[in-house]
C-alpha atoms as a PDB file:
ATOM      1  CA  UNK A   1       0.000   0.000   0.000  1.00  0.00           C
ATOM      2  CA  UNK A   2       1.521   3.328  -1.082  1.00  0.00           C
ATOM      3  CA  UNK A   3       0.062   6.609   0.174  1.00  0.00           C
ATOM      4  CA  UNK A   4       0.496   9.742  -1.948  1.00  0.00           C
ATOM      5  CA  UNK A   5       2.056  12.407   0.313  1.00  0.00           C
ATOM      6  CA  UNK A   6       0.134  15.201  -1.488  1.00  0.00           C
ATOM      7  CA  UNK A   7      -3.391  13.799  -1.843  1.00  0.00           C
ATOM      8  CA  UNK A   8      -3.456  11.023   0.755  1.00  0.00           C
ATOM      9  CA  UNK A   9      -4.888   8.610  -1.840  1.00  0.00           C
ATOM     10  CA  UNK A  10      -3.579   5.068  -1.460  1.00  0.00           C
ATOM     11  CA  UNK A  11      -2.475   2.868  -4.373  1.00  0.00           C
ATOM     12  CA  UNK A  12      -2.905  -0.857  -3.743  1.00  0.00           C
ATOM     13  CA  UNK A  13      -0.549  -3.095  -5.746  1.00  0.00           C
ATOM     14  CA  UNK A  14      -0.868  -6.699  -4.580  1.00  0.00           C
ATOM     15  CA  UNK A  15       1.883  -9.054  -5.743  1.00  0.00           C
ATOM     16  CA  UNK A  16       1.827 -12.817  -6.148  1.00  0.00           C
ATOM     17  CA  UNK A  17       4.587 -14.866  -4.462  1.00  0.00           C
ATOM     18  CA  UNK A  18       6.527 -14.833  -7.772  1.00  0.00           C
ATOM     19  CA  UNK A  19       6.382 -11.009  -7.886  1.00  0.00           C
ATOM     20  CA  UNK A  20       3.851 -10.748 -10.721  1.00  0.00           C
ATOM     21  CA  UNK A  21       0.713  -8.612 -10.441  1.00  0.00           C
ATOM     22  CA  UNK A  22      -2.858  -9.871 -10.249  1.00  0.00           C
ATOM     23  CA  UNK A  23      -5.197  -9.743 -13.281  1.00  0.00           C
ATOM     24  CA  UNK A  24      -7.815  -6.985 -13.771  1.00  0.00           C
ATOM     25  CA  UNK A  25     -11.027  -7.643 -11.850  1.00  0.00           C
ATOM     26  CA  UNK A  26      -9.199  -9.079  -8.829  1.00  0.00           C
ATOM     27  CA  UNK A  27     -10.673  -7.642  -5.635  1.00  0.00           C
ATOM     28  CA  UNK A  28      -8.595  -6.749  -2.604  1.00  0.00           C
ATOM     29  CA  UNK A  29     -10.001  -6.148   0.884  1.00  0.00           C
ATOM     30  CA  UNK A  30      -7.930  -4.086   3.306  1.00  0.00           C
ATOM     31  CA  UNK A  31      -8.746  -3.149   6.909  1.00  0.00           C
ATOM     32  CA  UNK A  32     -11.074  -0.122   7.153  1.00  0.00           C
ATOM     33  CA  UNK A  33     -12.777   1.880   9.874  1.00  0.00           C
ATOM     34  CA  UNK A  34     -15.135   0.261  12.403  1.00  0.00           C
ATOM     35  CA  UNK A  35     -14.121  -3.219  11.234  1.00  0.00           C
ATOM     36  CA  UNK A  36     -15.573  -2.676   7.762  1.00  0.00           C
ATOM     37  CA  UNK A  37     -13.149  -3.683   5.006  1.00  0.00           C
ATOM     38  CA  UNK A  38     -12.286  -1.344   2.133  1.00  0.00           C
ATOM     39  CA  UNK A  39     -12.770  -3.205  -1.159  1.00  0.00           C
ATOM     40  CA  UNK A  40     -10.548  -2.269  -4.105  1.00  0.00           C
ATOM     41  CA  UNK A  41     -10.822  -3.636  -7.666  1.00  0.00           C
ATOM     42  CA  UNK A  42      -7.521  -4.112  -9.499  1.00  0.00           C
ATOM     43  CA  UNK A  43      -7.178  -2.500 -12.953  1.00  0.00           C
ATOM     44  CA  UNK A  44      -5.267  -3.611 -16.048  1.00  0.00           C
ATOM     45  CA  UNK A  45      -2.018  -2.213 -14.597  1.00  0.00           C
ATOM     46  CA  UNK A  46      -2.314  -4.486 -11.544  1.00  0.00           C
ATOM     47  CA  UNK A  47      -3.224  -1.594  -9.216  1.00  0.00           C
ATOM     48  CA  UNK A  48      -6.237  -0.204  -7.412  1.00  0.00           C
ATOM     49  CA  UNK A  49      -6.826   3.166  -5.741  1.00  0.00           C
ATOM     50  CA  UNK A  50      -8.432   4.103  -2.446  1.00  0.00           C
ATOM     51  CA  UNK A  51      -9.397   7.786  -2.180  1.00  0.00           C
ATOM     52  CA  UNK A  52      -8.155   9.558   0.950  1.00  0.00           C
ATOM     53  CA  UNK A  53     -11.789  10.177   1.991  1.00  0.00           C
ATOM     54  CA  UNK A  54     -12.410   6.392   2.238  1.00  0.00           C
ATOM     55  CA  UNK A  55      -9.471   5.730   4.578  1.00  0.00           C
ATOM     56  CA  UNK A  56      -9.870   5.131   8.316  1.00  0.00           C
ATOM     57  CA  UNK A  57      -9.016   8.093  10.601  1.00  0.00           C
ATOM     58  CA  UNK A  58      -5.980   6.279  12.018  1.00  0.00           C
ATOM     59  CA  UNK A  59      -3.589   3.592  10.768  1.00  0.00           C
ATOM     60  CA  UNK A  60      -5.560   0.317  10.923  1.00  0.00           C
ATOM     61  CA  UNK A  61      -3.839  -3.098  11.090  1.00  0.00           C
ATOM     62  CA  UNK A  62      -5.653  -6.308  10.203  1.00  0.00           C
ATOM     63  CA  UNK A  63      -5.977  -9.084   7.659  1.00  0.00           C
ATOM     64  CA  UNK A  64      -6.288  -8.412   3.939  1.00  0.00           C
ATOM     65  CA  UNK A  65      -7.967 -10.644   1.383  1.00  0.00           C
ATOM     66  CA  UNK A  66      -7.258 -11.062  -2.321  1.00  0.00           C
ATOM     67  CA  UNK A  67      -9.841 -12.666  -4.613  1.00  0.00           C
ATOM     68  CA  UNK A  68      -8.790 -13.409  -8.170  1.00  0.00           C
ATOM     69  CA  UNK A  69     -11.694 -14.003 -10.609  1.00  0.00           C
ATOM     70  CA  UNK A  70     -12.627 -17.691 -10.498  1.00  0.00           C
ATOM     71  CA  UNK A  71     -10.176 -18.459  -7.661  1.00  0.00           C
ATOM     72  CA  UNK A  72     -10.587 -18.999  -3.917  1.00  0.00           C
ATOM     73  CA  UNK A  73      -9.916 -15.998  -1.659  1.00  0.00           C
ATOM     74  CA  UNK A  74      -6.384 -15.746  -0.254  1.00  0.00           C
ATOM     75  CA  UNK A  75      -5.913 -14.193   3.200  1.00  0.00           C
ATOM     76  CA  UNK A  76      -2.964 -11.857   3.718  1.00  0.00           C
ATOM     77  CA  UNK A  77      -1.970 -11.431   7.377  1.00  0.00           C
ATOM     78  CA  UNK A  78      -0.445  -8.238   8.774  1.00  0.00           C
ATOM     79  CA  UNK A  79      -1.885  -5.637   6.409  1.00  0.00           C
ATOM     80  CA  UNK A  80      -1.897  -2.066   7.741  1.00  0.00           C
ATOM     81  CA  UNK A  81      -4.135   0.487   6.045  1.00  0.00           C
ATOM     82  CA  UNK A  82      -2.676   4.007   6.355  1.00  0.00           C
ATOM     83  CA  UNK A  83      -4.730   6.586   8.228  1.00  0.00           C
ATOM     84  CA  UNK A  84      -6.513   9.442   6.497  1.00  0.00           C
ATOM     85  CA  UNK A  85      -4.105  12.135   5.358  1.00  0.00           C
ATOM     86  CA  UNK A  86      -4.628  15.653   6.651  1.00  0.00           C
ATOM     87  CA  UNK A  87      -2.672  18.352   4.846  1.00  0.00           C
ATOM     88  CA  UNK A  88      -0.538  20.417   7.206  1.00  0.00           C
ATOM     89  CA  UNK A  89      -1.844  23.884   7.920  1.00  0.00           C
ATOM     90  CA  UNK A  90       0.820  26.490   7.114  1.00  0.00           C
ATOM     91  CA  UNK A  91       1.945  28.411  10.200  1.00  0.00           C
END
């Protein structure tokens, strides 16, 4: 999970054990606020985006899940979703 330092949006790029990306249409669940997962659909570049507004207020650890089309869901332990980004107020 990579968080953009300007916008706070998070790019999700799950990788298979061999380092390749998942196919388009794969869904990824990452920990969200109040125990509700954030669901991201992977695009043709092997990435998905989570807007800053959808992130939990604080960094949230938990278990992620990856579901490739036509395949069983794979659990990913120790996933930490970054907290919502708040731009610094100039002093």
